[in-house]
């Protein structure tokens, strides 16, 4: 295993534990955005990915953004789009702009693996156009998929819990998530 990969894994582990990267010797808080966390992929299994200037097939749809979850295979993500519902996609998030990678506070490795598996098990389901019903299991919008994957692990990553809609920005602002990468 090369030193860069070992360093990246150390940063991911610290972020997942909720550690302040500024307290780790040799790592400055602003350094995290330029560090390569995994060779060509962003994040590792179960990590949450958020984009605030989102586009699909060349069409920008911006706010409220887009969310995905890293599959149990780091080269893939599980995402939901209106065109094809829940599908696995190539993890090309590192090449995007206005992107955030998030870890989940207090989650164990098995929580991460199980959240990723939950998302993977939804592949093939349709897109949920009824945004005010995030509790349904037969269809998913992007941030609903991420929220449900983590909710299945007993961790609520929603920020505004009194409304029925889960948006990417709410997940990023949740008290249960930590942003460890941004570009």
N, C-alpha and C. Protein backbone atom coordinates (compact mmCIF):
# COMPACT_ATOMS: atom_id res chain seq x y z
N UNK A 1 0.85 -1.17 0.00
CA UNK A 1 0.00 0.00 0.00
C UNK A 1 0.90 1.24 0.00
N UNK A 2 0.62 2.20 -0.88
CA UNK A 2 1.50 3.37 -0.96
C UNK A 2 1.18 4.38 0.15
N UNK A 3 2.15 5.25 0.43
CA UNK A 3 2.02 6.22 1.52
C UNK A 3 0.85 7.18 1.32
N UNK A 4 0.61 7.60 0.07
CA UNK A 4 -0.48 8.52 -0.21
C UNK A 4 -1.82 7.89 0.17
N UNK A 5 -2.02 6.63 -0.24
CA UNK A 5 -3.25 5.93 0.08
C UNK A 5 -3.42 5.79 1.59
N UNK A 6 -2.34 5.43 2.31
CA UNK A 6 -2.41 5.29 3.76
C UNK A 6 -2.78 6.62 4.40
N UNK A 7 -2.21 7.72 3.92
CA UNK A 7 -2.52 9.05 4.43
C UNK A 7 -3.99 9.40 4.18
N UNK A 8 -4.46 9.09 2.98
CA UNK A 8 -5.86 9.36 2.64
C UNK A 8 -6.80 8.59 3.54
N UNK A 9 -6.49 7.32 3.77
CA UNK A 9 -7.33 6.49 4.63
C UNK A 9 -7.34 7.03 6.05
N UNK A 10 -6.20 7.54 6.52
CA UNK A 10 -6.12 8.13 7.85
C UNK A 10 -7.04 9.36 7.94
N UNK A 11 -7.03 10.21 6.92
CA UNK A 11 -7.89 11.39 6.91
C UNK A 11 -9.36 11.00 6.92
N UNK A 12 -9.72 10.02 6.12
CA UNK A 12 -11.11 9.57 6.07
C UNK A 12 -11.54 9.04 7.43
N UNK A 13 -10.68 8.23 8.06
CA UNK A 13 -11.00 7.67 9.37
C UNK A 13 -11.20 8.78 10.40
N UNK A 14 -10.32 9.77 10.39
CA UNK A 14 -10.45 10.89 11.33
C UNK A 14 -11.73 11.68 11.08
N UNK A 15 -12.04 11.91 9.81
CA UNK A 15 -13.27 12.64 9.49
C UNK A 15 -14.49 11.86 9.94
N UNK A 16 -14.47 10.57 9.74
CA UNK A 16 -15.60 9.73 10.15
C UNK A 16 -15.76 9.72 11.66
N UNK A 17 -14.67 9.87 12.38
CA UNK A 17 -14.75 9.90 13.84
C UNK A 17 -15.15 11.27 14.36
N UNK A 18 -15.28 12.23 13.44
CA UNK A 18 -15.67 13.58 13.84
C UNK A 18 -14.52 14.40 14.37
N UNK A 19 -13.29 13.94 14.17
CA UNK A 19 -12.13 14.69 14.64
C UNK A 19 -11.97 15.98 13.86
N UNK A 20 -11.47 16.97 14.54
CA UNK A 20 -11.11 18.21 13.86
C UNK A 20 -9.80 18.00 13.16
N UNK A 21 -9.79 18.13 11.86
CA UNK A 21 -8.56 17.89 11.11
C UNK A 21 -7.48 18.89 11.48
N UNK A 22 -7.87 20.03 12.02
CA UNK A 22 -6.89 21.02 12.44
C UNK A 22 -6.09 20.57 13.64
N UNK A 23 -6.58 19.58 14.38
CA UNK A 23 -5.86 19.12 15.56
C UNK A 23 -4.91 17.98 15.24
N UNK A 24 -4.97 17.47 14.03
CA UNK A 24 -4.08 16.38 13.64
C UNK A 24 -2.75 16.99 13.20
N UNK A 25 -1.66 16.51 13.76
CA UNK A 25 -0.35 17.09 13.47
C UNK A 25 -0.07 17.08 11.97
N UNK A 26 0.27 18.26 11.45
CA UNK A 26 0.65 18.38 10.05
C UNK A 26 -0.50 18.58 9.08
N UNK A 27 -1.72 18.60 9.57
CA UNK A 27 -2.87 18.78 8.68
C UNK A 27 -3.57 20.07 9.06
N UNK A 28 -3.65 20.98 8.13
CA UNK A 28 -4.35 22.24 8.34
C UNK A 28 -5.78 22.09 7.84
N UNK A 29 -6.74 22.79 8.45
CA UNK A 29 -8.14 22.65 8.01
C UNK A 29 -8.35 22.94 6.53
N UNK A 30 -7.63 23.90 5.96
CA UNK A 30 -7.83 24.22 4.54
C UNK A 30 -7.09 23.25 3.62
N UNK A 31 -6.27 22.37 4.18
CA UNK A 31 -5.52 21.39 3.39
C UNK A 31 -6.42 20.27 2.85
N UNK A 32 -7.48 19.97 3.58
CA UNK A 32 -8.33 18.84 3.23
C UNK A 32 -8.92 18.97 1.83
N UNK A 33 -9.21 20.19 1.37
CA UNK A 33 -9.83 20.35 0.06
C UNK A 33 -8.87 20.02 -1.08
N UNK A 34 -7.58 20.07 -0.83
CA UNK A 34 -6.64 19.80 -1.90
C UNK A 34 -6.03 18.41 -1.83
N UNK A 35 -6.34 17.68 -0.78
CA UNK A 35 -5.75 16.36 -0.60
C UNK A 35 -6.51 15.33 -1.46
N UNK A 36 -5.81 14.37 -1.99
CA UNK A 36 -6.44 13.31 -2.79
C UNK A 36 -6.86 12.20 -1.85
N UNK A 37 -8.16 12.07 -1.59
CA UNK A 37 -8.61 11.11 -0.60
C UNK A 37 -8.54 9.67 -1.10
N UNK A 38 -8.80 9.43 -2.31
CA UNK A 38 -8.62 8.12 -2.93
C UNK A 38 -8.21 8.38 -4.37
N UNK A 39 -7.42 7.51 -4.95
CA UNK A 39 -6.80 7.76 -6.25
C UNK A 39 -7.64 8.59 -7.21
N UNK A 40 -8.66 8.03 -7.84
CA UNK A 40 -9.47 8.79 -8.80
C UNK A 40 -10.90 8.97 -8.34
N UNK A 41 -11.24 8.46 -7.19
CA UNK A 41 -12.61 8.52 -6.70
C UNK A 41 -12.71 9.48 -5.54
N UNK A 42 -13.90 9.98 -5.31
CA UNK A 42 -14.13 10.84 -4.15
C UNK A 42 -14.85 10.03 -3.09
N UNK A 43 -14.25 9.92 -1.94
CA UNK A 43 -14.86 9.22 -0.83
C UNK A 43 -14.67 7.72 -0.88
N UNK A 44 -15.28 7.09 0.09
CA UNK A 44 -15.25 5.64 0.19
C UNK A 44 -16.65 5.17 0.63
N UNK A 45 -16.87 3.88 0.64
CA UNK A 45 -18.20 3.30 0.83
C UNK A 45 -19.01 3.99 1.94
N UNK A 46 -20.25 4.35 1.56
CA UNK A 46 -21.18 4.96 2.50
C UNK A 46 -21.05 6.46 2.65
N UNK A 47 -19.97 7.05 2.13
CA UNK A 47 -19.82 8.50 2.23
C UNK A 47 -20.90 9.20 1.42
N UNK A 48 -21.28 10.37 1.86
CA UNK A 48 -22.31 11.17 1.20
C UNK A 48 -21.64 12.20 0.31
N UNK A 49 -22.13 12.34 -0.90
CA UNK A 49 -21.61 13.33 -1.84
C UNK A 49 -22.73 14.30 -2.19
N UNK A 50 -22.43 15.59 -2.12
CA UNK A 50 -23.41 16.64 -2.38
C UNK A 50 -22.84 17.59 -3.42
N UNK A 51 -23.65 17.98 -4.40
CA UNK A 51 -23.27 18.99 -5.40
C UNK A 51 -24.30 20.10 -5.37
N UNK A 52 -23.83 21.34 -5.35
CA UNK A 52 -24.77 22.46 -5.31
C UNK A 52 -24.96 23.14 -6.65
N UNK A 53 -24.15 22.82 -7.62
CA UNK A 53 -24.33 23.34 -8.97
C UNK A 53 -24.50 22.11 -9.86
N UNK A 54 -25.58 21.40 -9.64
CA UNK A 54 -25.76 20.10 -10.26
C UNK A 54 -26.26 20.20 -11.70
N UNK A 55 -25.82 19.25 -12.51
CA UNK A 55 -26.33 19.14 -13.87
C UNK A 55 -26.36 17.67 -14.26
N UNK A 56 -27.20 17.37 -15.20
CA UNK A 56 -27.29 16.01 -15.71
C UNK A 56 -27.60 16.10 -17.19
N UNK A 57 -26.84 15.40 -18.00
CA UNK A 57 -26.96 15.42 -19.44
C UNK A 57 -26.87 16.84 -19.99
N UNK A 58 -25.98 17.65 -19.37
CA UNK A 58 -25.74 19.01 -19.84
C UNK A 58 -26.78 20.04 -19.43
N UNK A 59 -27.75 19.64 -18.60
CA UNK A 59 -28.79 20.56 -18.15
C UNK A 59 -28.52 20.91 -16.69
N UNK A 60 -28.28 22.21 -16.42
CA UNK A 60 -28.06 22.66 -15.05
C UNK A 60 -29.39 22.77 -14.33
N UNK A 61 -29.45 22.19 -13.12
CA UNK A 61 -30.67 22.35 -12.34
C UNK A 61 -30.38 22.89 -10.95
N UNK A 62 -29.12 23.24 -10.67
CA UNK A 62 -28.71 23.99 -9.49
C UNK A 62 -29.44 23.66 -8.20
N UNK A 63 -29.96 24.71 -7.54
CA UNK A 63 -30.63 24.51 -6.27
C UNK A 63 -31.83 23.61 -6.44
N UNK A 64 -32.11 22.69 -5.64
CA UNK A 64 -31.45 22.45 -4.36
C UNK A 64 -30.23 21.56 -4.44
N UNK A 65 -29.73 21.27 -5.62
CA UNK A 65 -28.52 20.48 -5.76
C UNK A 65 -28.79 19.01 -6.02
N UNK A 66 -27.80 18.21 -5.73
CA UNK A 66 -27.88 16.78 -5.98
C UNK A 66 -27.11 16.04 -4.90
N UNK A 67 -27.54 14.83 -4.59
CA UNK A 67 -26.87 14.01 -3.58
C UNK A 67 -26.71 12.59 -4.09
N UNK A 68 -25.66 11.95 -3.63
CA UNK A 68 -25.41 10.56 -3.95
C UNK A 68 -24.67 9.92 -2.79
N UNK A 69 -24.53 8.62 -2.85
CA UNK A 69 -23.82 7.88 -1.81
C UNK A 69 -22.81 6.96 -2.50
N UNK A 70 -21.63 6.87 -1.92
CA UNK A 70 -20.60 6.01 -2.50
C UNK A 70 -20.99 4.56 -2.24
N UNK A 71 -20.91 3.77 -3.30
CA UNK A 71 -21.24 2.35 -3.25
C UNK A 71 -20.20 1.59 -2.41
N UNK A 72 -20.46 0.31 -2.19
CA UNK A 72 -19.46 -0.53 -1.52
C UNK A 72 -18.22 -0.71 -2.38
N UNK A 73 -18.29 -0.31 -3.64
CA UNK A 73 -17.14 -0.24 -4.54
C UNK A 73 -16.89 1.25 -4.77
N UNK A 74 -15.76 1.78 -4.28
CA UNK A 74 -15.52 3.22 -4.30
C UNK A 74 -15.54 3.85 -5.69
N UNK A 75 -15.36 3.04 -6.72
CA UNK A 75 -15.40 3.57 -8.09
C UNK A 75 -16.82 3.84 -8.56
N UNK A 76 -17.81 3.51 -7.74
CA UNK A 76 -19.21 3.68 -8.11
C UNK A 76 -19.98 4.46 -7.05
N UNK A 77 -21.00 5.16 -7.50
CA UNK A 77 -21.94 5.82 -6.59
C UNK A 77 -23.33 5.30 -6.89
N UNK A 78 -24.22 5.48 -5.95
CA UNK A 78 -25.63 5.18 -6.16
C UNK A 78 -26.35 6.52 -6.11
N UNK A 79 -27.08 6.84 -7.19
CA UNK A 79 -27.74 8.14 -7.32
C UNK A 79 -29.11 7.93 -7.97
N UNK A 80 -29.98 8.90 -7.78
CA UNK A 80 -31.29 8.85 -8.41
C UNK A 80 -31.49 10.11 -9.24
N UNK A 81 -31.86 9.92 -10.50
CA UNK A 81 -32.14 11.01 -11.43
C UNK A 81 -33.52 10.80 -12.03
N UNK A 82 -34.19 11.89 -12.42
CA UNK A 82 -35.52 11.77 -13.04
C UNK A 82 -35.53 10.85 -14.27
N UNK A 83 -34.47 10.86 -15.05
CA UNK A 83 -34.46 10.11 -16.31
C UNK A 83 -34.46 8.59 -16.12
N UNK A 84 -33.75 8.11 -15.09
CA UNK A 84 -33.64 6.65 -14.97
C UNK A 84 -33.78 6.12 -13.55
N UNK A 85 -34.18 6.97 -12.61
CA UNK A 85 -34.36 6.51 -11.24
C UNK A 85 -33.05 6.15 -10.57
N UNK A 86 -33.10 5.21 -9.67
CA UNK A 86 -31.92 4.82 -8.89
C UNK A 86 -31.02 3.91 -9.72
N UNK A 87 -29.78 4.34 -9.88
CA UNK A 87 -28.81 3.57 -10.67
C UNK A 87 -27.42 3.73 -10.06
N UNK A 88 -26.54 2.81 -10.41
CA UNK A 88 -25.12 2.97 -10.08
C UNK A 88 -24.48 3.79 -11.19
N UNK A 89 -23.58 4.69 -10.78
CA UNK A 89 -22.88 5.55 -11.73
C UNK A 89 -21.39 5.53 -11.42
N UNK A 90 -20.59 5.87 -12.40
CA UNK A 90 -19.16 6.01 -12.19
C UNK A 90 -18.93 7.14 -11.19
N UNK A 91 -18.06 6.91 -10.24
CA UNK A 91 -17.74 7.93 -9.24
C UNK A 91 -16.79 8.95 -9.86
N UNK A 92 -17.38 9.95 -10.53
CA UNK A 92 -16.61 11.01 -11.18
C UNK A 92 -16.74 12.33 -10.43
N UNK A 93 -17.12 12.28 -9.18
CA UNK A 93 -17.41 13.47 -8.40
C UNK A 93 -16.18 14.35 -8.19
N UNK A 94 -14.99 13.78 -8.18
CA UNK A 94 -13.79 14.58 -7.96
C UNK A 94 -13.62 15.62 -9.06
N UNK A 95 -14.10 15.34 -10.26
CA UNK A 95 -13.96 16.27 -11.38
C UNK A 95 -15.03 17.34 -11.44
N UNK A 96 -15.98 17.32 -10.54
CA UNK A 96 -17.07 18.30 -10.54
C UNK A 96 -16.72 19.51 -9.67
N UNK A 97 -17.49 20.58 -9.84
CA UNK A 97 -17.31 21.76 -9.01
C UNK A 97 -18.47 21.88 -8.03
N UNK A 98 -18.27 22.69 -7.01
CA UNK A 98 -19.27 22.88 -5.95
C UNK A 98 -19.70 21.55 -5.35
N UNK A 99 -18.71 20.71 -5.05
CA UNK A 99 -18.95 19.37 -4.52
C UNK A 99 -18.45 19.28 -3.08
N UNK A 100 -19.19 18.56 -2.28
CA UNK A 100 -18.81 18.31 -0.89
C UNK A 100 -18.88 16.80 -0.64
N UNK A 101 -17.92 16.28 0.11
CA UNK A 101 -17.96 14.91 0.58
C UNK A 101 -18.16 14.96 2.09
N UNK A 102 -19.07 14.14 2.57
CA UNK A 102 -19.42 14.17 3.98
C UNK A 102 -19.27 12.80 4.61
N UNK A 103 -18.83 12.81 5.85
CA UNK A 103 -18.84 11.60 6.67
C UNK A 103 -19.99 11.75 7.66
N UNK A 104 -20.31 10.68 8.35
CA UNK A 104 -21.41 10.68 9.30
C UNK A 104 -20.84 10.47 10.70
N UNK A 105 -21.15 11.41 11.58
CA UNK A 105 -20.62 11.38 12.94
C UNK A 105 -21.06 10.13 13.69
N UNK A 106 -20.10 9.51 14.35
CA UNK A 106 -20.40 8.38 15.22
C UNK A 106 -20.71 7.08 14.51
N UNK A 107 -20.65 7.06 13.18
CA UNK A 107 -20.98 5.84 12.44
C UNK A 107 -19.80 4.87 12.45
N UNK A 108 -20.12 3.60 12.54
CA UNK A 108 -19.10 2.56 12.51
C UNK A 108 -18.85 2.14 11.06
N UNK A 109 -17.81 1.37 10.86
CA UNK A 109 -17.53 0.83 9.52
C UNK A 109 -18.71 0.01 9.01
N UNK A 110 -19.34 -0.75 9.91
CA UNK A 110 -20.48 -1.55 9.46
C UNK A 110 -21.67 -0.66 9.10
N UNK A 111 -21.85 0.48 9.80
CA UNK A 111 -22.90 1.43 9.42
C UNK A 111 -22.66 1.94 8.01
N UNK A 112 -21.40 2.28 7.71
CA UNK A 112 -21.06 2.77 6.36
C UNK A 112 -21.35 1.71 5.31
N UNK A 113 -20.91 0.49 5.57
CA UNK A 113 -21.13 -0.60 4.61
C UNK A 113 -22.62 -0.88 4.43
N UNK A 114 -23.37 -0.88 5.52
CA UNK A 114 -24.80 -1.16 5.44
C UNK A 114 -25.58 -0.02 4.77
N UNK A 115 -25.17 1.22 4.99
CA UNK A 115 -25.82 2.35 4.31
C UNK A 115 -25.58 2.24 2.80
N UNK A 116 -24.35 1.90 2.42
CA UNK A 116 -24.04 1.72 1.00
C UNK A 116 -24.85 0.56 0.42
N UNK A 117 -24.95 -0.53 1.16
CA UNK A 117 -25.73 -1.69 0.70
C UNK A 117 -27.21 -1.35 0.56
N UNK A 118 -27.73 -0.58 1.51
CA UNK A 118 -29.13 -0.17 1.41
C UNK A 118 -29.37 0.57 0.10
N UNK A 119 -28.49 1.53 -0.19
CA UNK A 119 -28.64 2.29 -1.44
C UNK A 119 -28.52 1.38 -2.65
N UNK A 120 -27.55 0.48 -2.64
CA UNK A 120 -27.37 -0.45 -3.76
C UNK A 120 -28.62 -1.31 -3.97
N UNK A 121 -29.27 -1.69 -2.90
CA UNK A 121 -30.47 -2.53 -3.00
C UNK A 121 -31.67 -1.79 -3.60
N UNK A 122 -31.57 -0.48 -3.76
CA UNK A 122 -32.66 0.30 -4.35
C UNK A 122 -32.48 0.48 -5.86
N UNK A 123 -31.34 0.04 -6.40
CA UNK A 123 -31.08 0.20 -7.84
C UNK A 123 -32.22 -0.43 -8.65
N UNK A 124 -32.68 0.33 -9.64
CA UNK A 124 -33.77 -0.13 -10.49
C UNK A 124 -35.12 0.48 -10.11
N UNK A 125 -35.20 1.08 -8.93
CA UNK A 125 -36.45 1.72 -8.53
C UNK A 125 -36.57 3.08 -9.21
N UNK A 126 -37.79 3.53 -9.37
CA UNK A 126 -38.04 4.76 -10.12
C UNK A 126 -37.75 6.00 -9.27
N UNK A 127 -37.82 7.15 -9.95
CA UNK A 127 -37.60 8.45 -9.32
C UNK A 127 -38.87 8.86 -8.58
N UNK A 128 -38.71 9.40 -7.39
CA UNK A 128 -39.84 9.86 -6.58
C UNK A 128 -40.13 11.33 -6.87
N UNK A 129 -41.17 11.58 -7.63
CA UNK A 129 -41.56 12.96 -7.95
C UNK A 129 -42.40 13.57 -6.84
N UNK A 130 -42.84 12.77 -5.90
CA UNK A 130 -43.67 13.25 -4.81
C UNK A 130 -42.74 13.58 -3.64
N UNK A 131 -42.10 14.75 -3.71
CA UNK A 131 -41.05 15.13 -2.77
C UNK A 131 -41.51 15.20 -1.33
N UNK A 132 -42.79 15.44 -1.11
CA UNK A 132 -43.28 15.56 0.26
C UNK A 132 -43.51 14.20 0.92
N UNK A 133 -43.15 13.13 0.25
CA UNK A 133 -43.25 11.80 0.86
C UNK A 133 -41.91 11.08 0.79
N UNK A 134 -40.96 11.46 1.65
CA UNK A 134 -39.66 10.78 1.63
C UNK A 134 -39.68 9.41 2.31
N UNK A 135 -40.80 9.04 2.92
CA UNK A 135 -40.88 7.78 3.64
C UNK A 135 -41.18 6.60 2.72
N UNK A 136 -41.58 6.85 1.49
CA UNK A 136 -41.91 5.74 0.60
C UNK A 136 -40.64 4.95 0.24
N UNK A 137 -40.82 3.68 -0.10
CA UNK A 137 -39.69 2.80 -0.40
C UNK A 137 -39.68 2.29 -1.83
N UNK A 138 -40.68 2.67 -2.62
CA UNK A 138 -40.77 2.16 -3.99
C UNK A 138 -40.16 3.09 -5.02
N UNK A 139 -39.81 4.32 -4.61
CA UNK A 139 -39.22 5.31 -5.51
C UNK A 139 -38.43 6.30 -4.65
N UNK A 140 -37.38 6.88 -5.24
CA UNK A 140 -36.48 7.75 -4.47
C UNK A 140 -36.04 8.96 -5.29
N UNK A 141 -36.05 10.15 -4.67
CA UNK A 141 -35.31 11.27 -5.25
C UNK A 141 -33.92 11.23 -4.62
N UNK A 142 -32.98 11.97 -5.15
CA UNK A 142 -31.57 11.80 -4.79
C UNK A 142 -31.28 11.91 -3.30
N UNK A 143 -31.69 12.99 -2.67
CA UNK A 143 -31.37 13.17 -1.26
C UNK A 143 -32.21 12.27 -0.36
N UNK A 144 -33.39 11.90 -0.82
CA UNK A 144 -34.20 10.93 -0.08
C UNK A 144 -33.47 9.60 0.01
N UNK A 145 -32.85 9.17 -1.08
CA UNK A 145 -32.10 7.91 -1.11
C UNK A 145 -30.97 7.93 -0.08
N UNK A 146 -30.22 9.02 -0.05
CA UNK A 146 -29.11 9.14 0.90
C UNK A 146 -29.65 9.15 2.34
N UNK A 147 -30.69 9.94 2.56
CA UNK A 147 -31.29 10.03 3.89
C UNK A 147 -31.79 8.67 4.37
N UNK A 148 -32.51 7.97 3.49
CA UNK A 148 -33.06 6.65 3.87
C UNK A 148 -31.95 5.63 4.12
N UNK A 149 -30.88 5.71 3.34
CA UNK A 149 -29.76 4.78 3.54
C UNK A 149 -29.18 4.94 4.95
N UNK A 150 -29.04 6.19 5.38
CA UNK A 150 -28.50 6.44 6.72
C UNK A 150 -29.55 6.27 7.80
N UNK A 151 -30.80 6.58 7.49
CA UNK A 151 -31.88 6.37 8.46
C UNK A 151 -32.00 4.88 8.78
N UNK A 152 -31.73 4.02 7.79
CA UNK A 152 -31.78 2.57 8.01
C UNK A 152 -30.71 2.13 9.02
N UNK A 153 -29.73 2.99 9.25
CA UNK A 153 -28.67 2.71 10.22
C UNK A 153 -28.94 3.40 11.56
N UNK A 154 -30.12 4.02 11.68
CA UNK A 154 -30.48 4.69 12.92
C UNK A 154 -29.90 6.08 13.06
N UNK A 155 -29.40 6.64 11.97
CA UNK A 155 -28.82 7.98 12.00
C UNK A 155 -29.58 8.88 11.04
N UNK A 156 -30.16 9.96 11.58
CA UNK A 156 -30.93 10.90 10.77
C UNK A 156 -29.99 12.00 10.30
N UNK A 157 -29.77 12.09 8.99
CA UNK A 157 -28.88 13.11 8.44
C UNK A 157 -29.65 14.30 7.87
N UNK A 158 -30.90 14.44 8.26
CA UNK A 158 -31.71 15.60 7.85
C UNK A 158 -31.48 16.74 8.84
N UNK A 159 -31.43 17.96 8.34
CA UNK A 159 -31.23 19.14 9.18
C UNK A 159 -32.54 19.70 9.69
N UNK A 160 -33.52 19.84 8.81
CA UNK A 160 -34.83 20.36 9.17
C UNK A 160 -35.78 19.18 9.25
N UNK A 161 -36.00 18.68 10.44
CA UNK A 161 -36.80 17.45 10.59
C UNK A 161 -38.29 17.70 10.69
N UNK A 162 -38.71 18.97 10.74
CA UNK A 162 -40.15 19.25 10.86
C UNK A 162 -40.84 19.37 9.52
N UNK A 163 -40.08 19.43 8.43
CA UNK A 163 -40.69 19.47 7.10
C UNK A 163 -40.58 18.10 6.45
N UNK A 164 -41.42 17.81 5.48
CA UNK A 164 -41.41 16.48 4.88
C UNK A 164 -40.43 16.31 3.72
N UNK A 165 -39.64 17.32 3.42
CA UNK A 165 -38.71 17.22 2.28
C UNK A 165 -37.29 17.18 2.80
N UNK A 166 -36.46 16.30 2.21
CA UNK A 166 -35.04 16.21 2.56
C UNK A 166 -34.25 16.72 1.36
N UNK A 167 -33.53 17.82 1.52
CA UNK A 167 -32.76 18.38 0.42
C UNK A 167 -31.27 18.13 0.63
N UNK A 168 -30.48 18.20 -0.43
CA UNK A 168 -29.03 18.04 -0.27
C UNK A 168 -28.42 19.03 0.72
N UNK A 169 -28.87 20.29 0.69
CA UNK A 169 -28.30 21.28 1.61
C UNK A 169 -28.64 20.95 3.06
N UNK A 170 -29.81 20.36 3.30
CA UNK A 170 -30.16 19.95 4.66
C UNK A 170 -29.23 18.84 5.14
N UNK A 171 -28.88 17.92 4.26
CA UNK A 171 -27.95 16.85 4.64
C UNK A 171 -26.58 17.44 4.97
N UNK A 172 -26.13 18.40 4.15
CA UNK A 172 -24.82 19.03 4.39
C UNK A 172 -24.81 19.81 5.71
N UNK A 173 -25.95 20.37 6.11
CA UNK A 173 -26.02 21.17 7.33
C UNK A 173 -26.39 20.35 8.56
N UNK A 174 -26.67 19.08 8.39
CA UNK A 174 -27.08 18.23 9.50
C UNK A 174 -26.02 18.21 10.60
N UNK A 175 -26.47 18.12 11.81
CA UNK A 175 -25.56 17.98 12.94
C UNK A 175 -24.91 16.61 12.99
N UNK A 176 -25.38 15.69 12.15
CA UNK A 176 -24.83 14.34 12.13
C UNK A 176 -23.86 14.10 10.98
N UNK A 177 -23.57 15.14 10.20
CA UNK A 177 -22.61 14.99 9.10
C UNK A 177 -21.44 15.96 9.28
N UNK A 178 -20.31 15.59 8.68
CA UNK A 178 -19.11 16.42 8.72
C UNK A 178 -18.59 16.55 7.28
N UNK A 179 -18.42 17.76 6.82
CA UNK A 179 -17.83 17.97 5.49
C UNK A 179 -16.33 17.80 5.62
N UNK A 180 -15.77 16.84 4.88
CA UNK A 180 -14.33 16.65 4.93
C UNK A 180 -13.64 16.97 3.61
N UNK A 181 -14.41 17.31 2.58
CA UNK A 181 -13.83 17.66 1.28
C UNK A 181 -14.77 18.63 0.61
N UNK A 182 -14.18 19.61 -0.07
CA UNK A 182 -14.99 20.50 -0.91
C UNK A 182 -14.14 21.00 -2.05
N UNK A 183 -14.78 21.17 -3.19
CA UNK A 183 -14.08 21.68 -4.36
C UNK A 183 -15.01 22.59 -5.13
